[in-house]
Amino acid sequence: MERLNVTLEPEYGEKLRRLAEQRYLQPGTLARALLSEAIDLAELDGARMTAILDAIPGAWDRMDHAMDQVRRGETVPLEELDQHV
C-alpha cells in the first residue's frame, strides 16, 4: 500500500468527518475507500477525469506558468532531478 497525504478544503474535511462518524469509521478509512472508488470510476471515464482536473483551482494558470518556464529553458533534465532536491 502506498501512503499519500491529502489536504481537503475545510467543508470537505467536515463532511468526511460526519460521514465517517455516521458509519462508525475513522475518517482516514472512509477517505481511502472513497478515493479508491473515485480512482476506479475515473479510470473508466477519461472525460470525467478531465473535468475533475479542469476543476482544480488555478491549474490552468500553473500549467501556463510551467509552459512559460519551459520556453525560457528553465527546466531540469530528469536525470539531474535528484541533484536539485
C-alpha atoms as a PDB file:
ATOM      1  CA  MET A   1       0.000   0.000   0.000  1.00  0.00           C
ATOM      2  CA  GLU A   2       1.329   3.439  -0.916  1.00  0.00           C
ATOM      3  CA  ARG A   3       0.950   6.198   1.651  1.00  0.00           C
ATOM      4  CA  LEU A   4      -0.424   9.507   0.387  1.00  0.00           C
ATOM      5  CA  ASN A   5      -1.233  12.712   2.262  1.00  0.00           C
ATOM      6  CA  VAL A   6      -4.229  14.668   1.022  1.00  0.00           C
ATOM      7  CA  THR A   7      -5.353  18.096   2.205  1.00  0.00           C
ATOM      8  CA  LEU A   8      -9.092  18.720   1.979  1.00  0.00           C
ATOM      9  CA  GLU A   9     -10.888  22.035   1.885  1.00  0.00           C
ATOM     10  CA  PRO A  10     -12.456  22.650   5.324  1.00  0.00           C
ATOM     11  CA  GLU A  11     -16.013  21.913   4.168  1.00  0.00           C
ATOM     12  CA  TYR A  12     -14.958  18.558   2.685  1.00  0.00           C
ATOM     13  CA  GLY A  13     -12.971  17.689   5.789  1.00  0.00           C
ATOM     14  CA  GLU A  14     -16.055  18.338   7.910  1.00  0.00           C
ATOM     15  CA  LYS A  15     -18.263  16.341   5.528  1.00  0.00           C
ATOM     16  CA  LEU A  16     -15.789  13.439   5.646  1.00  0.00           C
ATOM     17  CA  ARG A  17     -15.717  13.566   9.445  1.00  0.00           C
ATOM     18  CA  ARG A  18     -19.549  13.486   9.615  1.00  0.00           C
ATOM     19  CA  LEU A  19     -19.827  10.636   7.106  1.00  0.00           C
ATOM     20  CA  ALA A  20     -17.197   8.609   8.952  1.00  0.00           C
ATOM     21  CA  GLU A  21     -18.888   9.239  12.287  1.00  0.00           C
ATOM     22  CA  GLN A  22     -22.255   8.072  10.892  1.00  0.00           C
ATOM     23  CA  ARG A  23     -20.642   4.839   9.739  1.00  0.00           C
ATOM     24  CA  TYR A  24     -18.559   4.307  12.882  1.00  0.00           C
ATOM     25  CA  LEU A  25     -15.325   4.561  10.877  1.00  0.00           C
ATOM     26  CA  GLN A  26     -12.144   6.536  11.173  1.00  0.00           C
ATOM     27  CA  PRO A  27     -12.091   9.407   8.640  1.00  0.00           C
ATOM     28  CA  GLY A  28      -8.905   8.042   7.060  1.00  0.00           C
ATOM     29  CA  THR A  29     -10.507   4.649   6.492  1.00  0.00           C
ATOM     30  CA  LEU A  30     -13.511   6.209   4.769  1.00  0.00           C
ATOM     31  CA  ALA A  31     -11.301   8.595   2.766  1.00  0.00           C
ATOM     32  CA  ARG A  32      -9.237   5.658   1.487  1.00  0.00           C
ATOM     33  CA  ALA A  33     -12.377   3.812   0.386  1.00  0.00           C
ATOM     34  CA  LEU A  34     -13.889   6.885  -1.280  1.00  0.00           C
ATOM     35  CA  LEU A  35     -10.658   7.796  -3.058  1.00  0.00           C
ATOM     36  CA  SER A  36     -10.203   4.224  -4.276  1.00  0.00           C
ATOM     37  CA  GLU A  37     -13.746   4.235  -5.669  1.00  0.00           C
ATOM     38  CA  ALA A  38     -13.219   7.618  -7.323  1.00  0.00           C
ATOM     39  CA  ILE A  39     -10.000   6.407  -8.938  1.00  0.00           C
ATOM     40  CA  ASP A  40     -11.726   3.288 -10.246  1.00  0.00           C
ATOM     41  CA  LEU A  41     -14.550   5.376 -11.707  1.00  0.00           C
ATOM     42  CA  ALA A  42     -12.180   7.951 -13.182  1.00  0.00           C
ATOM     43  CA  GLU A  43     -10.098   5.247 -14.824  1.00  0.00           C
ATOM     44  CA  LEU A  44     -13.143   4.136 -16.780  1.00  0.00           C
ATOM     45  CA  ASP A  45     -14.147   7.618 -17.928  1.00  0.00           C
ATOM     46  CA  GLY A  46     -11.444   9.864 -19.363  1.00  0.00           C
ATOM     47  CA  ALA A  47     -13.872  12.740 -19.903  1.00  0.00           C
ATOM     48  CA  ARG A  48     -14.811  12.712 -16.221  1.00  0.00           C
ATOM     49  CA  MET A  49     -11.137  12.686 -15.195  1.00  0.00           C
ATOM     50  CA  THR A  50     -10.512  15.674 -17.464  1.00  0.00           C
ATOM     51  CA  ALA A  51     -13.442  17.523 -15.886  1.00  0.00           C
ATOM     52  CA  ILE A  52     -12.073  16.810 -12.398  1.00  0.00           C
ATOM     53  CA  LEU A  53      -8.611  18.063 -13.342  1.00  0.00           C
ATOM     54  CA  ASP A  54     -10.066  21.134 -15.063  1.00  0.00           C
ATOM     55  CA  ALA A  55     -11.943  21.981 -11.854  1.00  0.00           C
ATOM     56  CA  ILE A  56      -8.742  22.293  -9.778  1.00  0.00           C
ATOM     57  CA  PRO A  57      -8.478  25.987  -8.866  1.00  0.00           C
ATOM     58  CA  GLY A  58      -5.520  27.629 -10.579  1.00  0.00           C
ATOM     59  CA  ALA A  59      -4.491  24.510 -12.512  1.00  0.00           C
ATOM     60  CA  TRP A  60      -4.538  26.206 -15.917  1.00  0.00           C
ATOM     61  CA  ASP A  61      -2.576  29.194 -14.569  1.00  0.00           C
ATOM     62  CA  ARG A  62       0.066  26.867 -13.106  1.00  0.00           C
ATOM     63  CA  MET A  63       0.237  24.954 -16.384  1.00  0.00           C
ATOM     64  CA  ASP A  64       0.660  28.195 -18.364  1.00  0.00           C
ATOM     65  CA  HIS A  65       3.389  29.286 -15.952  1.00  0.00           C
ATOM     66  CA  ALA A  66       5.152  25.932 -16.345  1.00  0.00           C
ATOM     67  CA  MET A  67       4.985  26.179 -20.142  1.00  0.00           C
ATOM     68  CA  ASP A  68       6.486  29.698 -19.966  1.00  0.00           C
ATOM     69  CA  GLN A  69       9.332  28.271 -17.879  1.00  0.00           C
ATOM     70  CA  VAL A  70       9.886  25.546 -20.481  1.00  0.00           C
ATOM     71  CA  ARG A  71      10.027  28.125 -23.284  1.00  0.00           C
ATOM     72  CA  ARG A  72      12.616  30.122 -21.301  1.00  0.00           C
ATOM     73  CA  GLY A  73      14.690  26.988 -20.754  1.00  0.00           C
ATOM     74  CA  GLU A  74      14.119  26.971 -17.008  1.00  0.00           C
ATOM     75  CA  THR A  75      13.888  23.198 -16.777  1.00  0.00           C
ATOM     76  CA  VAL A  76      15.856  20.394 -15.168  1.00  0.00           C
ATOM     77  CA  PRO A  77      16.543  17.192 -17.131  1.00  0.00           C
ATOM     78  CA  LEU A  78      15.020  14.156 -15.424  1.00  0.00           C
ATOM     79  CA  GLU A  79      18.404  12.505 -14.949  1.00  0.00           C
ATOM     80  CA  GLU A  80      19.529  15.579 -12.954  1.00  0.00           C
ATOM     81  CA  LEU A  81      16.351  15.929 -10.905  1.00  0.00           C
ATOM     82  CA  ASP A  82      17.662  14.072  -7.837  1.00  0.00           C
ATOM     83  CA  GLN A  83      20.543  16.587  -7.626  1.00  0.00           C
ATOM     84  CA  HIS A  84      18.097  19.511  -7.254  1.00  0.00           C
ATOM     85  CA  VAL A  85      16.037  18.163  -4.363  1.00  0.00           C
END
